[in-house]
Amino acid sequence: GAIFTSLNWNMLAMTYSKSSDQLKLFLNGVQVGSTVTGLGTWAGNLGASLSVIGASNITPTLQWEGGLSHVAMFNRVLTAAELLSIAQVAGLA
């Protein structure tokens, strides 16, 4: 089923921590699903043809068919409280 309950703007975030061995997904500042662990060893750098936002590769295939705005990447894992705060500022939580 669809995770979005509205056709309005939503904030989707993913956090990945090698040291904590955790991957988490957040929708509008609230974690969805379980924390994924057992990530294993990082297998190298992100490939230029697969490091895209809005599609699965540069061909592109499996394109996102909605709007994208304010894409950000951080050099550290944001906390759940920080993600919720960003969603609140954006009026999504």
C-alpha atoms as a PDB file:
ATOM      1  CA  GLY A   1       0.000   0.000   0.000  1.00  0.00           C
ATOM      2  CA  ALA A   2       0.939   3.623  -0.372  1.00  0.00           C
ATOM      3  CA  ILE A   3       2.735   5.302   2.524  1.00  0.00           C
ATOM      4  CA  PHE A   4       1.550   8.788   1.543  1.00  0.00           C
ATOM      5  CA  THR A   5      -1.928   9.632   2.771  1.00  0.00           C
ATOM      6  CA  SER A   6      -2.087  12.945   0.938  1.00  0.00           C
ATOM      7  CA  LEU A   7      -1.209  14.396  -2.440  1.00  0.00           C
ATOM      8  CA  ASN A   8       0.257  17.394  -0.607  1.00  0.00           C
ATOM      9  CA  TRP A   9       3.962  17.841   0.179  1.00  0.00           C
ATOM     10  CA  ASN A  10       5.640  15.248   2.359  1.00  0.00           C
ATOM     11  CA  MET A  11       9.130  15.029   3.837  1.00  0.00           C
ATOM     12  CA  LEU A  12      10.893  11.718   3.332  1.00  0.00           C
ATOM     13  CA  ALA A  13      14.215  11.137   5.109  1.00  0.00           C
ATOM     14  CA  MET A  14      16.601   8.234   5.453  1.00  0.00           C
ATOM     15  CA  THR A  15      19.398   7.942   7.978  1.00  0.00           C
ATOM     16  CA  TYR A  16      22.289   5.501   7.621  1.00  0.00           C
ATOM     17  CA  SER A  17      24.936   4.901  10.273  1.00  0.00           C
ATOM     18  CA  LYS A  18      27.757   2.446   9.659  1.00  0.00           C
ATOM     19  CA  SER A  19      29.045   2.786  13.243  1.00  0.00           C
ATOM     20  CA  SER A  20      25.594   2.128  14.740  1.00  0.00           C
ATOM     21  CA  ASP A  21      24.739  -0.427  12.025  1.00  0.00           C
ATOM     22  CA  GLN A  22      21.345   1.227  11.494  1.00  0.00           C
ATOM     23  CA  LEU A  23      19.201   2.451   8.624  1.00  0.00           C
ATOM     24  CA  LYS A  24      15.947   4.286   9.377  1.00  0.00           C
ATOM     25  CA  LEU A  25      13.222   5.861   7.235  1.00  0.00           C
ATOM     26  CA  PHE A  26      11.137   8.848   8.310  1.00  0.00           C
ATOM     27  CA  LEU A  27       7.954  10.360   6.875  1.00  0.00           C
ATOM     28  CA  ASN A  28       7.146  13.910   7.971  1.00  0.00           C
ATOM     29  CA  GLY A  29       9.531  13.600  10.911  1.00  0.00           C
ATOM     30  CA  VAL A  30       8.217  10.291  12.275  1.00  0.00           C
ATOM     31  CA  GLN A  31      10.010   6.960  11.814  1.00  0.00           C
ATOM     32  CA  VAL A  32       8.155   4.496   9.600  1.00  0.00           C
ATOM     33  CA  GLY A  33       8.910   0.798   9.687  1.00  0.00           C
ATOM     34  CA  SER A  34      11.532  -0.902  11.778  1.00  0.00           C
ATOM     35  CA  THR A  35      15.171   0.057  12.145  1.00  0.00           C
ATOM     36  CA  VAL A  36      17.199  -2.042   9.717  1.00  0.00           C
ATOM     37  CA  THR A  37      20.396  -3.582  11.099  1.00  0.00           C
ATOM     38  CA  GLY A  38      22.933  -6.089   9.825  1.00  0.00           C
ATOM     39  CA  LEU A  39      23.984  -3.714   7.062  1.00  0.00           C
ATOM     40  CA  GLY A  40      27.385  -5.310   6.560  1.00  0.00           C
ATOM     41  CA  THR A  41      30.469  -3.616   5.187  1.00  0.00           C
ATOM     42  CA  TRP A  42      30.185  -0.637   2.869  1.00  0.00           C
ATOM     43  CA  ALA A  43      31.301  -1.863  -0.544  1.00  0.00           C
ATOM     44  CA  GLY A  44      32.918   1.274  -1.944  1.00  0.00           C
ATOM     45  CA  ASN A  45      32.003   4.703  -3.222  1.00  0.00           C
ATOM     46  CA  LEU A  46      28.638   5.636  -4.662  1.00  0.00           C
ATOM     47  CA  GLY A  47      28.680   5.087  -8.415  1.00  0.00           C
ATOM     48  CA  ALA A  48      28.029   8.166 -10.555  1.00  0.00           C
ATOM     49  CA  SER A  49      25.442   6.291 -12.644  1.00  0.00           C
ATOM     50  CA  LEU A  50      23.502   5.097  -9.596  1.00  0.00           C
ATOM     51  CA  SER A  51      23.784   8.128  -7.278  1.00  0.00           C
ATOM     52  CA  VAL A  52      20.747  10.013  -8.487  1.00  0.00           C
ATOM     53  CA  ILE A  53      17.793  11.652  -6.815  1.00  0.00           C
ATOM     54  CA  GLY A  54      14.434  10.984  -8.410  1.00  0.00           C
ATOM     55  CA  ALA A  55      15.272   7.839 -10.428  1.00  0.00           C
ATOM     56  CA  SER A  56      16.984   4.491  -9.958  1.00  0.00           C
ATOM     57  CA  ASN A  57      19.840   5.339 -12.377  1.00  0.00           C
ATOM     58  CA  ILE A  58      20.900   7.906 -14.993  1.00  0.00           C
ATOM     59  CA  THR A  59      19.087   6.166 -17.881  1.00  0.00           C
ATOM     60  CA  PRO A  60      16.668   7.116 -16.094  1.00  0.00           C
ATOM     61  CA  THR A  61      14.413   4.264 -15.092  1.00  0.00           C
ATOM     62  CA  LEU A  62      11.804   4.191 -12.352  1.00  0.00           C
ATOM     63  CA  GLN A  63      11.595   7.985 -12.263  1.00  0.00           C
ATOM     64  CA  TRP A  64       9.839   9.769  -9.427  1.00  0.00           C
ATOM     65  CA  GLU A  65       6.690  11.254 -10.943  1.00  0.00           C
ATOM     66  CA  GLY A  66       6.024  13.925  -8.357  1.00  0.00           C
ATOM     67  CA  GLY A  67       7.698  17.171  -7.402  1.00  0.00           C
ATOM     68  CA  LEU A  68      10.994  17.325  -5.539  1.00  0.00           C
ATOM     69  CA  SER A  69      12.074  20.299  -3.507  1.00  0.00           C
ATOM     70  CA  HIS A  70      14.790  21.110  -0.984  1.00  0.00           C
ATOM     71  CA  VAL A  71      16.963  18.019  -1.314  1.00  0.00           C
ATOM     72  CA  ALA A  72      19.693  17.871   1.344  1.00  0.00           C
ATOM     73  CA  MET A  73      22.447  15.489   2.361  1.00  0.00           C
ATOM     74  CA  PHE A  74      24.278  15.728   5.668  1.00  0.00           C
ATOM     75  CA  ASN A  75      27.656  14.400   6.754  1.00  0.00           C
ATOM     76  CA  ARG A  76      26.185  12.989   9.949  1.00  0.00           C
ATOM     77  CA  VAL A  77      23.041  11.182  11.019  1.00  0.00           C
ATOM     78  CA  LEU A  78      20.290  13.601  12.013  1.00  0.00           C
ATOM     79  CA  THR A  79      18.415  12.625  15.151  1.00  0.00           C
ATOM     80  CA  ALA A  80      14.717  11.830  15.170  1.00  0.00           C
ATOM     81  CA  ALA A  81      14.161  15.106  17.067  1.00  0.00           C
ATOM     82  CA  GLU A  82      16.028  17.091  14.388  1.00  0.00           C
ATOM     83  CA  LEU A  83      14.015  15.480  11.596  1.00  0.00           C
ATOM     84  CA  LEU A  84      10.772  16.172  13.436  1.00  0.00           C
ATOM     85  CA  SER A  85      11.841  19.786  13.934  1.00  0.00           C
ATOM     86  CA  ILE A  86      12.488  20.198  10.193  1.00  0.00           C
ATOM     87  CA  ALA A  87       9.070  18.696   9.419  1.00  0.00           C
ATOM     88  CA  GLN A  88       7.449  21.054  11.918  1.00  0.00           C
ATOM     89  CA  VAL A  89       9.132  24.119  10.389  1.00  0.00           C
ATOM     90  CA  ALA A  90       7.858  22.956   6.988  1.00  0.00           C
ATOM     91  CA  GLY A  91       4.344  22.614   8.448  1.00  0.00           C
ATOM     92  CA  LEU A  92       4.252  18.846   7.890  1.00  0.00           C
ATOM     93  CA  ALA A  93       4.118  17.655  11.485  1.00  0.00           C
END
